[in-house]
Amino acid sequence: MKKKSVIIIGMGGHAKVVIDIIKQNFINVIGYVENKNTKFFNNDYKFLGNDKKILEYGSNKIFLVNGLG
């Protein structure tokens, strides 16, 4: 079974931990969504836009990962 790609919701401090886990599991990150592009700590991932951007992806193709906090 093919692994689904992920979209990270928010790039808060919790996202640092989440990204480490994602990298260890070789999971593809499409990008992240936030209300505004703060570029808090990571320029490695594409800013996709606000939360509404998630609706453009099929739920059978992606997982959403909480990076808020």
C-alpha atoms as a PDB file:
ATOM      1  CA  MET A   1       0.000   0.000   0.000  1.00  0.00           C
ATOM      2  CA  LYS A   2       1.328   3.432  -0.981  1.00  0.00           C
ATOM      3  CA  LYS A   3       1.836   5.926   1.826  1.00  0.00           C
ATOM      4  CA  LYS A   4      -0.353   9.006   1.693  1.00  0.00           C
ATOM      5  CA  SER A   5       1.267  12.419   1.574  1.00  0.00           C
ATOM      6  CA  VAL A   6       0.611  14.907   4.361  1.00  0.00           C
ATOM      7  CA  ILE A   7      -0.327  18.553   4.733  1.00  0.00           C
ATOM      8  CA  ILE A   8       0.745  20.201   7.965  1.00  0.00           C
ATOM      9  CA  ILE A   9      -1.807  22.492   9.585  1.00  0.00           C
ATOM     10  CA  GLY A  10       0.091  25.406  11.131  1.00  0.00           C
ATOM     11  CA  MET A  11       3.805  25.887  11.683  1.00  0.00           C
ATOM     12  CA  GLY A  12       3.831  26.418  15.429  1.00  0.00           C
ATOM     13  CA  GLY A  13       6.417  25.000  17.796  1.00  0.00           C
ATOM     14  CA  HIS A  14       4.683  21.609  17.779  1.00  0.00           C
ATOM     15  CA  ALA A  15       5.376  21.381  14.036  1.00  0.00           C
ATOM     16  CA  LYS A  16       9.109  20.970  14.752  1.00  0.00           C
ATOM     17  CA  VAL A  17       8.435  17.690  16.571  1.00  0.00           C
ATOM     18  CA  VAL A  18       5.945  16.539  13.955  1.00  0.00           C
ATOM     19  CA  ILE A  19       8.382  17.249  11.111  1.00  0.00           C
ATOM     20  CA  ASP A  20      11.108  15.206  12.821  1.00  0.00           C
ATOM     21  CA  ILE A  21       8.746  12.224  13.002  1.00  0.00           C
ATOM     22  CA  ILE A  22       7.638  12.688   9.397  1.00  0.00           C
ATOM     23  CA  LYS A  23      11.267  12.784   8.197  1.00  0.00           C
ATOM     24  CA  GLN A  24      12.120   9.611  10.130  1.00  0.00           C
ATOM     25  CA  ASN A  25       9.290   7.801   8.364  1.00  0.00           C
ATOM     26  CA  PHE A  26      10.116   9.095   4.872  1.00  0.00           C
ATOM     27  CA  ILE A  27       6.632  10.535   4.400  1.00  0.00           C
ATOM     28  CA  ASN A  28       6.084  13.092   1.644  1.00  0.00           C
ATOM     29  CA  VAL A  29       5.027  16.549   2.812  1.00  0.00           C
ATOM     30  CA  ILE A  30       2.994  18.473   0.238  1.00  0.00           C
ATOM     31  CA  GLY A  31       3.289  21.678   2.266  1.00  0.00           C
ATOM     32  CA  TYR A  32       1.610  23.534   5.086  1.00  0.00           C
ATOM     33  CA  VAL A  33      -1.408  25.765   5.588  1.00  0.00           C
ATOM     34  CA  GLU A  34      -1.715  28.773   7.890  1.00  0.00           C
ATOM     35  CA  ASN A  35      -3.802  31.905   8.029  1.00  0.00           C
ATOM     36  CA  LYS A  36      -0.690  33.834   7.063  1.00  0.00           C
ATOM     37  CA  ASN A  37       2.740  32.760   5.882  1.00  0.00           C
ATOM     38  CA  THR A  38       4.915  33.464   8.906  1.00  0.00           C
ATOM     39  CA  LYS A  39       7.920  31.359   7.808  1.00  0.00           C
ATOM     40  CA  PHE A  40       8.322  30.688  11.515  1.00  0.00           C
ATOM     41  CA  PHE A  41      11.286  28.336  11.309  1.00  0.00           C
ATOM     42  CA  ASN A  42      11.138  26.239   8.212  1.00  0.00           C
ATOM     43  CA  ASN A  43      11.531  27.210   4.596  1.00  0.00           C
ATOM     44  CA  ASP A  44      11.865  23.575   3.478  1.00  0.00           C
ATOM     45  CA  TYR A  45       8.125  23.185   3.017  1.00  0.00           C
ATOM     46  CA  LYS A  46       5.833  24.994   0.638  1.00  0.00           C
ATOM     47  CA  PHE A  47       3.280  27.459   1.994  1.00  0.00           C
ATOM     48  CA  LEU A  48       0.005  26.369   0.363  1.00  0.00           C
ATOM     49  CA  GLY A  49      -2.289  29.121   1.658  1.00  0.00           C
ATOM     50  CA  ASN A  50      -4.971  29.218   4.320  1.00  0.00           C
ATOM     51  CA  ASP A  51      -6.988  26.259   5.631  1.00  0.00           C
ATOM     52  CA  LYS A  52      -9.395  26.384   2.682  1.00  0.00           C
ATOM     53  CA  LYS A  53      -6.575  25.099   0.455  1.00  0.00           C
ATOM     54  CA  ILE A  54      -7.011  21.673   2.090  1.00  0.00           C
ATOM     55  CA  LEU A  55     -10.328  21.256   0.290  1.00  0.00           C
ATOM     56  CA  GLU A  56      -8.488  21.015  -3.034  1.00  0.00           C
ATOM     57  CA  TYR A  57      -7.045  17.632  -2.040  1.00  0.00           C
ATOM     58  CA  GLY A  58      -9.027  14.417  -1.812  1.00  0.00           C
ATOM     59  CA  SER A  59      -9.312  12.881   1.649  1.00  0.00           C
ATOM     60  CA  ASN A  60      -8.336   9.532   0.152  1.00  0.00           C
ATOM     61  CA  LYS A  61      -5.005  11.015  -1.025  1.00  0.00           C
ATOM     62  CA  ILE A  62      -3.695  12.912   2.026  1.00  0.00           C
ATOM     63  CA  PHE A  63      -3.438  12.944   5.785  1.00  0.00           C
ATOM     64  CA  LEU A  64      -3.694  16.161   7.778  1.00  0.00           C
ATOM     65  CA  VAL A  65      -1.108  16.646  10.501  1.00  0.00           C
ATOM     66  CA  ASN A  66      -1.511  19.075  13.407  1.00  0.00           C
ATOM     67  CA  GLY A  67       1.441  21.445  13.652  1.00  0.00           C
ATOM     68  CA  LEU A  68      -0.318  23.954  15.898  1.00  0.00           C
ATOM     69  CA  GLY A  69       0.905  24.640  19.367  1.00  0.00           C
END
